[in-house]
């Protein structure tokens, strides 16, 4: 069955059936996006004045707390001081 035929079949159904199908379809798409979002919480960048490092995040709650904490540190640094930027040269050689 093609998508056009399926849409025509849905148009023939009563309003309450179409609304139910629309609700559950959008709920399913949202659940898939939410599952991918949850799976993305594996690492978070932790920033300090001396270095930047990656830490393992186990739950979305930990990631949210780390992100909000990083936001407050960044705002504090913007208001009360400057962040030091250190530049380093990186040499890339082919084959390794």
N, C-alpha and C. Protein backbone atom coordinates (compact mmCIF):
# COMPACT_ATOMS: atom_id res chain seq x y z
N UNK A 1 0.85 -1.18 0.00
CA UNK A 1 0.00 0.00 0.00
C UNK A 1 0.89 1.23 0.00
N UNK A 2 0.63 2.15 -0.88
CA UNK A 2 1.41 3.38 -0.95
C UNK A 2 0.93 4.36 0.12
N UNK A 3 1.76 5.36 0.34
CA UNK A 3 1.40 6.37 1.34
C UNK A 3 0.18 7.15 0.90
N UNK A 4 0.09 7.45 -0.39
CA UNK A 4 -1.06 8.20 -0.89
C UNK A 4 -2.36 7.42 -0.69
N UNK A 5 -2.31 6.11 -0.94
CA UNK A 5 -3.50 5.29 -0.75
C UNK A 5 -3.87 5.21 0.73
N UNK A 6 -2.87 5.12 1.59
CA UNK A 6 -3.13 5.05 3.03
C UNK A 6 -3.74 6.37 3.53
N UNK A 7 -3.24 7.50 3.01
CA UNK A 7 -3.81 8.80 3.40
C UNK A 7 -5.25 8.91 2.93
N UNK A 8 -5.54 8.46 1.73
CA UNK A 8 -6.92 8.48 1.23
C UNK A 8 -7.82 7.59 2.08
N UNK A 9 -7.30 6.46 2.51
CA UNK A 9 -8.07 5.56 3.38
C UNK A 9 -8.34 6.23 4.72
N UNK A 10 -7.35 6.96 5.26
CA UNK A 10 -7.54 7.65 6.53
C UNK A 10 -8.55 8.79 6.40
N UNK A 11 -8.55 9.47 5.27
CA UNK A 11 -9.51 10.56 5.06
C UNK A 11 -10.95 10.08 5.05
N UNK A 12 -11.16 8.83 4.72
CA UNK A 12 -12.51 8.28 4.68
C UNK A 12 -13.02 7.91 6.07
N UNK A 13 -12.14 7.83 7.05
CA UNK A 13 -12.54 7.42 8.41
C UNK A 13 -13.17 8.60 9.14
N UNK A 14 -13.94 8.31 10.19
CA UNK A 14 -14.55 9.39 10.99
C UNK A 14 -13.48 10.24 11.70
N UNK A 15 -13.90 11.42 12.10
CA UNK A 15 -12.99 12.39 12.75
C UNK A 15 -12.33 11.82 14.00
N UNK A 16 -13.09 11.14 14.87
CA UNK A 16 -12.52 10.65 16.12
C UNK A 16 -11.46 9.57 15.87
N UNK A 17 -11.61 8.79 14.83
CA UNK A 17 -10.62 7.77 14.49
C UNK A 17 -9.35 8.44 13.96
N UNK A 18 -9.49 9.45 13.14
CA UNK A 18 -8.34 10.17 12.61
C UNK A 18 -7.55 10.85 13.71
N UNK A 19 -8.29 11.42 14.68
CA UNK A 19 -7.61 12.06 15.81
C UNK A 19 -6.84 11.04 16.65
N UNK A 20 -7.44 9.87 16.86
CA UNK A 20 -6.78 8.81 17.63
C UNK A 20 -5.51 8.34 16.91
N UNK A 21 -5.59 8.16 15.61
CA UNK A 21 -4.43 7.73 14.83
C UNK A 21 -3.35 8.81 14.86
N UNK A 22 -3.74 10.07 14.74
CA UNK A 22 -2.78 11.17 14.78
C UNK A 22 -2.09 11.24 16.15
N UNK A 23 -2.87 11.07 17.22
CA UNK A 23 -2.30 11.12 18.57
C UNK A 23 -1.28 10.01 18.77
N UNK A 24 -1.64 8.78 18.45
CA UNK A 24 -0.73 7.66 18.70
C UNK A 24 0.48 7.69 17.76
N UNK A 25 0.31 8.21 16.57
CA UNK A 25 1.46 8.36 15.66
C UNK A 25 2.45 9.37 16.22
N UNK A 26 1.95 10.52 16.65
CA UNK A 26 2.84 11.53 17.21
C UNK A 26 3.46 11.05 18.52
N UNK A 27 2.71 10.30 19.31
CA UNK A 27 3.26 9.74 20.55
C UNK A 27 4.40 8.77 20.23
N UNK A 28 4.23 7.94 19.22
CA UNK A 28 5.27 6.99 18.82
C UNK A 28 6.53 7.68 18.34
N UNK A 29 6.37 8.71 17.49
CA UNK A 29 7.54 9.46 17.02
C UNK A 29 8.25 10.15 18.18
N UNK A 30 7.48 10.71 19.11
CA UNK A 30 8.07 11.37 20.26
C UNK A 30 8.82 10.37 21.13
N UNK A 31 8.27 9.16 21.30
CA UNK A 31 8.93 8.13 22.10
C UNK A 31 10.26 7.72 21.46
N UNK A 32 10.30 7.62 20.15
CA UNK A 32 11.55 7.27 19.47
C UNK A 32 12.59 8.37 19.68
N UNK A 33 12.19 9.62 19.51
CA UNK A 33 13.11 10.74 19.72
C UNK A 33 13.59 10.77 21.16
N UNK A 34 12.69 10.54 22.11
CA UNK A 34 13.05 10.52 23.53
C UNK A 34 14.05 9.39 23.82
N UNK A 35 13.88 8.24 23.20
CA UNK A 35 14.80 7.12 23.41
C UNK A 35 16.19 7.48 22.90
N UNK A 36 16.28 8.11 21.73
CA UNK A 36 17.58 8.53 21.23
C UNK A 36 18.19 9.61 22.12
N UNK A 37 17.36 10.49 22.66
CA UNK A 37 17.84 11.53 23.56
C UNK A 37 18.41 10.91 24.83
N UNK A 38 17.72 9.93 25.39
CA UNK A 38 18.24 9.26 26.58
C UNK A 38 19.55 8.53 26.29
N UNK A 39 19.65 7.94 25.14
CA UNK A 39 20.86 7.21 24.78
C UNK A 39 22.05 8.15 24.57
N UNK A 40 21.80 9.41 24.34
CA UNK A 40 22.89 10.36 24.10
C UNK A 40 23.60 10.79 25.37
N UNK A 41 23.08 10.47 26.53
CA UNK A 41 23.69 10.89 27.79
C UNK A 41 24.79 9.91 28.20
N UNK A 42 25.93 10.01 27.56
CA UNK A 42 27.04 9.13 27.93
C UNK A 42 28.21 9.92 28.48
N UNK A 43 28.50 11.08 27.93
CA UNK A 43 29.61 11.88 28.41
C UNK A 43 29.20 13.32 28.54
N UNK A 44 29.93 14.03 29.35
CA UNK A 44 29.68 15.45 29.52
C UNK A 44 31.03 16.13 29.72
N UNK A 45 31.15 17.35 29.24
CA UNK A 45 32.39 18.10 29.39
C UNK A 45 32.35 18.84 30.72
N UNK A 46 33.39 18.62 31.54
CA UNK A 46 33.52 19.31 32.81
C UNK A 46 34.66 20.31 32.66
N UNK A 47 34.37 21.56 32.90
CA UNK A 47 35.34 22.62 32.68
C UNK A 47 35.79 23.19 34.01
N UNK A 48 37.09 23.38 34.14
CA UNK A 48 37.64 24.08 35.30
C UNK A 48 38.61 25.11 34.76
N UNK A 49 39.04 26.05 35.59
CA UNK A 49 39.97 27.07 35.08
C UNK A 49 41.28 26.49 34.54
N UNK A 50 41.69 25.34 35.05
CA UNK A 50 42.96 24.77 34.64
C UNK A 50 42.86 23.85 33.43
N UNK A 51 41.75 23.12 33.30
CA UNK A 51 41.68 22.15 32.21
C UNK A 51 40.23 21.85 31.85
N UNK A 52 40.08 21.16 30.76
CA UNK A 52 38.77 20.68 30.32
C UNK A 52 38.88 19.18 30.21
N UNK A 53 37.93 18.45 30.81
CA UNK A 53 38.01 17.00 30.76
C UNK A 53 36.62 16.42 30.52
N UNK A 54 36.60 15.18 30.08
CA UNK A 54 35.35 14.46 29.85
C UNK A 54 35.12 13.51 31.02
N UNK A 55 33.89 13.45 31.47
CA UNK A 55 33.54 12.50 32.53
C UNK A 55 32.39 11.64 32.08
N UNK A 56 32.31 10.45 32.64
CA UNK A 56 31.24 9.51 32.30
C UNK A 56 29.97 9.93 33.03
N UNK A 57 28.86 9.99 32.30
CA UNK A 57 27.56 10.32 32.87
C UNK A 57 26.69 9.08 32.77
N UNK A 58 26.07 8.71 33.87
CA UNK A 58 25.27 7.49 33.89
C UNK A 58 23.79 7.73 33.67
N UNK A 59 23.29 8.86 34.10
CA UNK A 59 21.86 9.11 33.98
C UNK A 59 21.61 10.49 33.37
N UNK A 60 20.43 10.70 32.80
CA UNK A 60 20.10 12.03 32.27
C UNK A 60 20.10 13.10 33.35
N UNK A 61 19.72 12.73 34.57
CA UNK A 61 19.73 13.70 35.66
C UNK A 61 21.12 14.22 35.96
N UNK A 62 22.12 13.32 35.95
CA UNK A 62 23.49 13.74 36.17
C UNK A 62 23.97 14.66 35.05
N UNK A 63 23.57 14.36 33.84
CA UNK A 63 23.95 15.20 32.71
C UNK A 63 23.33 16.59 32.82
N UNK A 64 22.07 16.65 33.24
CA UNK A 64 21.39 17.93 33.41
C UNK A 64 22.07 18.75 34.48
N UNK A 65 22.41 18.13 35.60
CA UNK A 65 23.09 18.84 36.69
C UNK A 65 24.45 19.33 36.23
N UNK A 66 25.20 18.50 35.49
CA UNK A 66 26.51 18.90 35.00
C UNK A 66 26.39 20.06 34.01
N UNK A 67 25.39 20.03 33.16
CA UNK A 67 25.19 21.11 32.20
C UNK A 67 24.82 22.42 32.87
N UNK A 68 23.92 22.36 33.85
CA UNK A 68 23.52 23.57 34.56
C UNK A 68 24.69 24.11 35.37
N UNK A 69 25.45 23.20 36.00
CA UNK A 69 26.63 23.63 36.75
C UNK A 69 27.65 24.30 35.85
N UNK A 70 27.86 23.75 34.66
CA UNK A 70 28.78 24.37 33.71
C UNK A 70 28.29 25.73 33.25
N UNK A 71 26.98 25.88 33.09
CA UNK A 71 26.41 27.16 32.70
C UNK A 71 26.68 28.22 33.76
N UNK A 72 26.49 27.87 35.04
CA UNK A 72 26.73 28.84 36.11
C UNK A 72 28.20 29.22 36.20
N UNK A 73 29.09 28.26 35.98
CA UNK A 73 30.53 28.56 35.99
C UNK A 73 30.87 29.50 34.84
N UNK A 74 30.31 29.26 33.66
CA UNK A 74 30.57 30.13 32.52
C UNK A 74 30.04 31.55 32.75
N UNK A 75 28.84 31.66 33.31
CA UNK A 75 28.27 32.99 33.59
C UNK A 75 29.12 33.71 34.63
N UNK A 76 29.54 33.00 35.68
CA UNK A 76 30.37 33.60 36.72
C UNK A 76 31.69 34.10 36.13
N UNK A 77 32.30 33.31 35.25
CA UNK A 77 33.56 33.72 34.63
C UNK A 77 33.37 34.92 33.71
N UNK A 78 32.23 35.01 33.03
CA UNK A 78 31.97 36.15 32.16
C UNK A 78 31.79 37.43 32.96
N UNK A 79 31.17 37.33 34.14
CA UNK A 79 30.88 38.52 34.94
C UNK A 79 32.07 38.93 35.79
N UNK A 80 32.69 37.97 36.48
CA UNK A 80 33.69 38.30 37.49
C UNK A 80 35.13 38.10 37.04
N UNK A 81 35.38 37.61 35.88
CA UNK A 81 36.75 37.43 35.46
C UNK A 81 36.80 36.87 34.05
N UNK A 82 37.99 36.88 33.52
CA UNK A 82 38.14 36.35 32.18
C UNK A 82 38.68 34.94 32.26
N UNK A 83 38.29 34.17 31.33
CA UNK A 83 38.80 32.80 31.23
C UNK A 83 40.09 32.85 30.44
N UNK A 84 41.09 32.19 30.94
CA UNK A 84 42.37 32.16 30.25
C UNK A 84 42.29 31.14 29.12
N UNK A 85 42.73 31.55 27.97
CA UNK A 85 42.76 30.67 26.82
C UNK A 85 44.21 30.34 26.53
N UNK A 86 44.52 29.06 26.49
CA UNK A 86 45.87 28.63 26.20
C UNK A 86 45.89 27.99 24.82
N UNK A 87 46.82 28.44 24.02
CA UNK A 87 46.95 27.90 22.68
C UNK A 87 48.11 26.93 22.66
N UNK A 88 47.93 25.85 21.95
CA UNK A 88 48.99 24.86 21.80
C UNK A 88 49.03 24.45 20.33
N UNK A 89 50.24 24.15 19.88
CA UNK A 89 50.40 23.70 18.51
C UNK A 89 50.27 22.19 18.46
N UNK A 90 49.56 21.71 17.47
CA UNK A 90 49.39 20.29 17.28
C UNK A 90 49.98 19.94 15.92
N UNK A 91 50.85 18.96 15.93
CA UNK A 91 51.47 18.54 14.68
C UNK A 91 50.85 17.23 14.25
N UNK A 92 50.34 17.21 13.03
CA UNK A 92 49.71 16.02 12.50
C UNK A 92 50.58 15.49 11.38
N UNK A 93 50.97 14.22 11.50
CA UNK A 93 51.78 13.62 10.46
C UNK A 93 51.00 12.47 9.83
N UNK A 94 51.07 12.33 8.52
CA UNK A 94 50.31 11.26 7.85
C UNK A 94 50.88 9.89 8.19
N UNK A 95 50.01 8.93 8.27
CA UNK A 95 50.42 7.55 8.51
C UNK A 95 50.30 7.09 9.94
N UNK A 96 50.14 7.98 10.89
CA UNK A 96 50.01 7.55 12.30
C UNK A 96 48.74 8.06 12.90
